[in-house]
Amino acid sequence: MRLTCLPVSLFSDIVSGKMSIRQWAHEAKIIGLDAIDISIMLLKNHTPVYLKKLREDLKSENMNIIMAATYPDFTHPDELQRERELEYLRHDIAVCSYLGIRYIRVLAGQAHPGVKIEDGIMWAVEKLTEAARVGEKYGVILVYEDHSKPGAWEYVDFSHPTEIFLRVFAGIKDTSIKVNFDTGNIVAYGDDPIPVLRKVMDKVETVHISDMAEYGKLSPVVIGTGVVPNREIFALLKQNGFNGWLSIEEASNTGLDGIKKAVSFVRNCWAHL
């Protein structure tokens, strides 16, 4: 089992400069992670000098970034803005390729008021399919997530409802796009994640491990203390021979302490199934 972490609880410190990506990599190594994840928002800029220095910093720490979270908004009602969103993602893919990042987490887009479900699904599938070809060119694998809402957006994810997520998934199933299955977001919507995981299992490449205080509400807590059936999800993954990356999405706002507790829970739980 290979374990990484998207440190949502540390985002504000990294964005503000209180902690650098190199420091995050250093702390992650001490904690016992095999690699790290980042949000594309954590990159200060895309200049050659900065990116080269970051790549050198990661090499010095002997830690790799495995996955970067991106926020494409392919359900925007403005056609020109959807084109811009694709260009943003093209650039993110190229940057991740330079940094040696293997996976990019992609989304459908926001649930903009007035956007019809059929239109949103069509636009998301169209743009994600185009983005997949860019990923193939640069050797970066796109992973589509059952998502809820990031701080980078004004609205909740268009495909937060399970039915819409599965319809977008069906539309991109025959592309090179894989799935980043988030264990908690479906619970946050109010549904059972196990049946959904069964439906997308053959395309699951990476997993975001999260936990929620209750069903039907986006209420992140320290992983292992909430209502998300992570043990059952792990068991199903193991039964189906999953050997990809497990990524702790630590969003309980408890910082490094929350990450340490999550690592302990996940490793212990996975080992004893």
Protein backbone atom coordinates (compact mmCIF):
# COMPACT_ATOMS: atom_id res chain seq x y z
CA MET A 1 0.00 0.00 0.00
CA ARG A 2 1.37 3.40 -1.06
CA LEU A 3 0.21 6.37 0.95
CA THR A 4 0.22 10.08 0.15
CA CYS A 5 -1.71 13.08 1.45
CA LEU A 6 -3.49 16.17 0.17
CA PRO A 7 -2.98 18.50 3.18
CA VAL A 8 -6.08 20.69 2.97
CA SER A 9 -5.56 21.70 6.61
CA LEU A 10 -2.19 23.18 5.65
CA PHE A 11 -3.31 25.04 2.52
CA SER A 12 -3.58 28.43 4.21
CA ASP A 13 -0.08 28.11 5.72
CA ILE A 14 1.45 27.14 2.37
CA VAL A 15 -0.39 29.84 0.41
CA SER A 16 0.62 32.50 2.94
CA GLY A 17 4.25 31.40 2.90
CA LYS A 18 4.27 30.24 6.51
CA MET A 19 5.13 26.78 5.17
CA SER A 20 6.78 25.93 1.85
CA ILE A 21 6.04 22.92 -0.35
CA ARG A 22 9.54 21.71 0.51
CA GLN A 23 8.71 21.91 4.22
CA TRP A 24 5.48 20.01 3.59
CA ALA A 25 7.50 17.31 1.81
CA HIS A 26 9.95 17.20 4.72
CA GLU A 27 7.19 16.84 7.32
CA ALA A 28 5.43 14.21 5.21
CA LYS A 29 8.60 12.12 5.08
CA ILE A 30 8.95 12.27 8.88
CA ILE A 31 5.33 11.24 9.30
CA GLY A 32 5.98 8.23 7.08
CA LEU A 33 4.20 9.09 3.84
CA ASP A 34 5.52 7.64 0.59
CA ALA A 35 4.91 10.84 -1.38
CA ILE A 36 2.85 14.03 -1.23
CA ASP A 37 -0.04 15.66 -3.05
CA ILE A 38 -0.62 19.35 -3.67
CA SER A 39 -3.29 21.66 -4.96
CA ILE A 40 -2.37 23.61 -8.08
CA MET A 41 -3.22 26.67 -5.97
CA LEU A 42 -0.10 26.07 -3.86
CA LEU A 43 2.29 26.81 -6.73
CA LYS A 44 3.51 30.40 -6.33
CA ASN A 45 3.98 30.91 -10.06
CA HIS A 46 4.83 29.04 -13.24
CA THR A 47 8.19 30.64 -14.03
CA PRO A 48 11.10 28.41 -15.07
CA VAL A 49 13.26 29.52 -12.11
CA TYR A 50 10.56 28.76 -9.53
CA LEU A 51 9.59 25.40 -11.03
CA LYS A 52 13.22 24.30 -11.37
CA LYS A 53 13.88 25.21 -7.74
CA LEU A 54 10.80 23.31 -6.61
CA ARG A 55 11.88 20.24 -8.54
CA GLU A 56 15.33 20.46 -6.94
CA ASP A 57 13.80 20.91 -3.49
CA LEU A 58 11.71 17.77 -3.89
CA LYS A 59 14.74 15.82 -5.08
CA SER A 60 16.70 17.01 -2.04
CA GLU A 61 13.93 15.77 0.25
CA ASN A 62 13.71 12.52 -1.73
CA MET A 63 9.94 12.99 -2.00
CA ASN A 64 7.77 13.14 -5.09
CA ILE A 65 4.46 14.86 -5.73
CA ILE A 66 2.14 12.11 -6.96
CA MET A 67 -1.08 14.04 -7.59
CA ALA A 68 -2.13 17.67 -8.05
CA ALA A 69 -5.69 18.82 -7.47
CA THR A 70 -7.03 21.11 -10.20
CA TYR A 71 -10.35 22.94 -10.49
CA PRO A 72 -11.56 23.09 -14.11
CA ASP A 73 -15.00 24.60 -14.47
CA PHE A 74 -16.35 22.97 -17.61
CA THR A 75 -19.99 23.61 -16.72
CA HIS A 76 -19.72 27.39 -16.86
CA PRO A 77 -22.65 28.85 -18.85
CA ASP A 78 -20.31 31.07 -20.92
CA GLU A 79 -18.85 29.10 -23.83
CA LEU A 80 -15.77 31.33 -24.03
CA GLN A 81 -15.10 30.79 -20.32
CA ARG A 82 -15.30 27.02 -20.84
CA GLU A 83 -12.59 27.41 -23.49
CA ARG A 84 -10.50 29.43 -21.03
CA GLU A 85 -10.94 26.70 -18.43
CA LEU A 86 -9.59 24.14 -20.89
CA GLU A 87 -6.56 26.34 -21.55
CA TYR A 88 -5.95 26.69 -17.81
CA LEU A 89 -6.02 22.91 -17.47
CA ARG A 90 -3.70 22.42 -20.46
CA HIS A 91 -1.18 24.62 -18.70
CA ASP A 92 -1.61 22.78 -15.39
CA ILE A 93 -1.00 19.48 -17.16
CA ALA A 94 2.19 20.81 -18.76
CA VAL A 95 3.47 22.14 -15.43
CA CYS A 96 2.71 18.86 -13.68
CA SER A 97 4.54 16.99 -16.42
CA TYR A 98 7.65 19.12 -15.80
CA LEU A 99 7.45 18.47 -12.06
CA GLY A 100 7.08 14.73 -12.58
CA ILE A 101 3.54 14.64 -11.17
CA ARG A 102 1.81 11.49 -12.41
CA TYR A 103 -1.84 12.32 -11.69
CA ILE A 104 -4.06 15.38 -12.03
CA ARG A 105 -7.39 15.41 -10.20
CA VAL A 106 -10.04 16.88 -12.51
CA LEU A 107 -13.64 17.92 -11.94
CA ALA A 108 -16.75 18.56 -14.03
CA GLY A 109 -17.32 22.12 -12.92
CA GLN A 110 -19.54 24.20 -10.67
CA ALA A 111 -23.30 23.95 -10.30
CA HIS A 112 -23.93 27.36 -11.84
CA PRO A 113 -27.49 28.62 -11.36
CA GLY A 114 -29.58 28.12 -14.47
CA VAL A 115 -27.39 25.48 -16.12
CA LYS A 116 -29.49 22.53 -17.23
CA ILE A 117 -28.30 19.09 -16.19
CA GLU A 118 -28.17 17.77 -19.78
CA ASP A 119 -26.11 20.78 -20.92
CA GLY A 120 -23.72 20.54 -18.00
CA ILE A 121 -23.09 16.84 -18.59
CA MET A 122 -22.52 17.43 -22.31
CA TRP A 123 -20.08 20.31 -21.71
CA ALA A 124 -18.17 18.45 -19.01
CA VAL A 125 -17.78 15.28 -21.09
CA GLU A 126 -16.72 17.30 -24.14
CA LYS A 127 -14.02 19.29 -22.36
CA LEU A 128 -12.78 16.44 -20.20
CA THR A 129 -12.38 14.33 -23.34
CA GLU A 130 -10.31 17.08 -24.95
CA ALA A 131 -8.21 17.43 -21.80
CA ALA A 132 -7.57 13.68 -21.78
CA ARG A 133 -5.72 13.99 -25.08
CA VAL A 134 -3.48 16.68 -23.56
CA GLY A 135 -2.74 14.40 -20.63
CA GLU A 136 -1.79 11.60 -23.00
CA LYS A 137 0.61 13.93 -24.81
CA TYR A 138 2.42 14.89 -21.62
CA GLY A 139 2.27 11.53 -19.86
CA VAL A 140 -0.03 12.76 -17.07
CA ILE A 141 -3.07 10.70 -16.06
CA LEU A 142 -6.32 12.59 -15.45
CA VAL A 143 -8.45 11.24 -12.60
CA TYR A 144 -12.08 12.37 -12.30
CA GLU A 145 -13.47 12.70 -8.79
CA ASP A 146 -16.83 12.35 -7.07
CA HIS A 147 -16.44 15.83 -5.62
CA SER A 148 -18.26 18.26 -3.33
CA LYS A 149 -16.93 21.83 -3.06
CA PRO A 150 -13.44 23.35 -2.86
CA GLY A 151 -12.57 26.74 -1.43
CA ALA A 152 -11.53 27.74 -4.94
CA TRP A 153 -15.15 27.74 -6.11
CA GLU A 154 -18.26 29.77 -5.44
CA TYR A 155 -20.70 26.91 -5.97
CA VAL A 156 -20.84 23.23 -5.12
CA ASP A 157 -19.66 20.73 -7.76
CA PHE A 158 -22.15 20.19 -10.59
CA SER A 159 -21.59 16.44 -10.26
CA HIS A 160 -21.91 16.30 -6.45
CA PRO A 161 -25.25 14.49 -6.86
CA THR A 162 -24.36 10.82 -7.28
CA GLU A 163 -26.55 10.36 -10.35
CA ILE A 164 -24.82 13.21 -12.20
CA PHE A 165 -21.36 11.97 -11.23
CA LEU A 166 -22.19 8.55 -12.67
CA ARG A 167 -23.58 10.06 -15.88
CA VAL A 168 -20.44 12.13 -16.45
CA PHE A 169 -18.38 9.03 -15.64
CA ALA A 170 -20.31 7.06 -18.27
CA GLY A 171 -19.57 9.77 -20.82
CA ILE A 172 -15.79 9.62 -20.28
CA LYS A 173 -15.49 5.92 -19.51
CA ASP A 174 -13.98 5.10 -22.89
CA THR A 175 -11.30 7.81 -22.65
CA SER A 176 -7.94 7.56 -20.87
CA ILE A 177 -9.42 9.34 -17.84
CA LYS A 178 -9.46 7.27 -14.66
CA VAL A 179 -11.27 7.83 -11.36
CA ASN A 180 -10.05 9.35 -8.12
CA PHE A 181 -12.63 7.89 -5.74
CA ASP A 182 -13.28 10.11 -2.72
CA THR A 183 -14.61 8.06 0.17
CA GLY A 184 -16.31 10.94 1.97
CA ASN A 185 -17.93 13.18 -0.63
CA ILE A 186 -20.73 10.76 -1.45
CA VAL A 187 -21.50 10.52 2.27
CA ALA A 188 -21.50 14.33 2.40
CA TYR A 189 -24.19 14.24 -0.30
CA GLY A 190 -26.17 11.75 1.78
CA ASP A 191 -25.62 8.54 -0.20
CA ASP A 192 -23.85 5.25 0.44
CA PRO A 193 -20.40 5.21 -1.24
CA ILE A 194 -20.15 1.40 -1.49
CA PRO A 195 -22.62 0.89 -4.40
CA VAL A 196 -21.05 3.83 -6.25
CA LEU A 197 -17.56 2.40 -5.82
CA ARG A 198 -18.75 -0.92 -7.25
CA LYS A 199 -20.01 0.88 -10.37
CA VAL A 200 -16.71 2.67 -11.07
CA MET A 201 -14.26 0.14 -9.62
CA ASP A 202 -12.74 -0.89 -12.94
CA LYS A 203 -11.57 2.69 -13.54
CA VAL A 204 -10.41 3.60 -10.01
CA GLU A 205 -6.76 4.62 -10.21
CA THR A 206 -6.37 6.65 -7.00
CA VAL A 207 -8.37 7.12 -3.81
CA HIS A 208 -8.99 10.17 -1.63
CA ILE A 209 -9.61 9.05 1.93
CA SER A 210 -11.78 11.50 3.85
CA ASP A 211 -14.26 11.38 6.72
CA MET A 212 -17.42 13.27 7.64
CA ALA A 213 -19.17 13.97 10.93
CA GLU A 214 -22.58 13.13 9.47
CA TYR A 215 -24.43 12.02 6.36
CA GLY A 216 -25.78 14.72 4.07
CA LYS A 217 -23.38 17.46 5.11
CA LEU A 218 -19.85 18.46 4.09
CA SER A 219 -18.42 18.20 7.61
CA PRO A 220 -14.78 16.97 7.52
CA VAL A 221 -13.40 15.40 10.69
CA VAL A 222 -10.20 13.57 11.62
CA ILE A 223 -10.12 10.44 9.49
CA GLY A 224 -11.28 7.42 11.45
CA THR A 225 -13.58 9.37 13.76
CA GLY A 226 -16.56 10.02 11.47
CA VAL A 227 -19.36 8.12 9.75
CA VAL A 228 -17.67 7.30 6.42
CA PRO A 229 -17.38 3.48 6.06
CA ASN A 230 -13.68 3.60 5.21
CA ARG A 231 -12.99 0.10 6.54
CA GLU A 232 -15.63 -1.37 4.26
CA ILE A 233 -14.34 0.69 1.34
CA PHE A 234 -10.79 -0.52 1.97
CA ALA A 235 -12.03 -4.11 2.11
CA LEU A 236 -13.80 -3.74 -1.23
CA LEU A 237 -10.71 -2.17 -2.80
CA LYS A 238 -8.52 -5.02 -1.56
CA GLN A 239 -11.00 -7.64 -2.75
CA ASN A 240 -10.78 -6.14 -6.23
CA GLY A 241 -6.99 -6.10 -6.28
CA PHE A 242 -6.54 -2.33 -5.97
CA ASN A 243 -2.83 -1.47 -5.84
CA GLY A 244 -2.85 2.24 -6.64
CA TRP A 245 -2.17 5.26 -4.45
CA LEU A 246 -4.22 5.96 -1.35
CA SER A 247 -4.32 9.69 -0.64
CA ILE A 248 -5.40 11.05 2.72
CA GLU A 249 -7.42 14.22 2.18
CA GLU A 250 -6.90 15.84 5.57
CA ALA A 251 -9.43 18.66 5.92
CA SER A 252 -10.31 18.60 9.61
CA ASN A 253 -8.27 21.76 10.27
CA THR A 254 -6.11 19.95 12.82
CA GLY A 255 -2.88 20.38 10.86
CA LEU A 256 -0.01 17.92 11.08
CA ASP A 257 -1.56 16.24 14.12
CA GLY A 258 -4.62 15.32 12.07
CA ILE A 259 -2.40 13.98 9.29
CA LYS A 260 -0.43 11.83 11.75
CA LYS A 261 -3.63 10.38 13.19
CA ALA A 262 -4.98 9.70 9.71
CA VAL A 263 -1.78 7.94 8.60
CA SER A 264 -1.91 5.71 11.68
CA PHE A 265 -5.58 4.87 11.13
CA VAL A 266 -5.23 4.12 7.42
CA ARG A 267 -2.09 1.99 7.70
CA ASN A 268 -3.47 0.00 10.63
CA CYS A 269 -6.88 -0.45 9.04
CA TRP A 270 -5.49 -1.52 5.66
CA ALA A 271 -3.02 -3.96 7.21
CA HIS A 272 -5.63 -5.75 9.30
CA LEU A 273 -8.25 -6.39 6.64
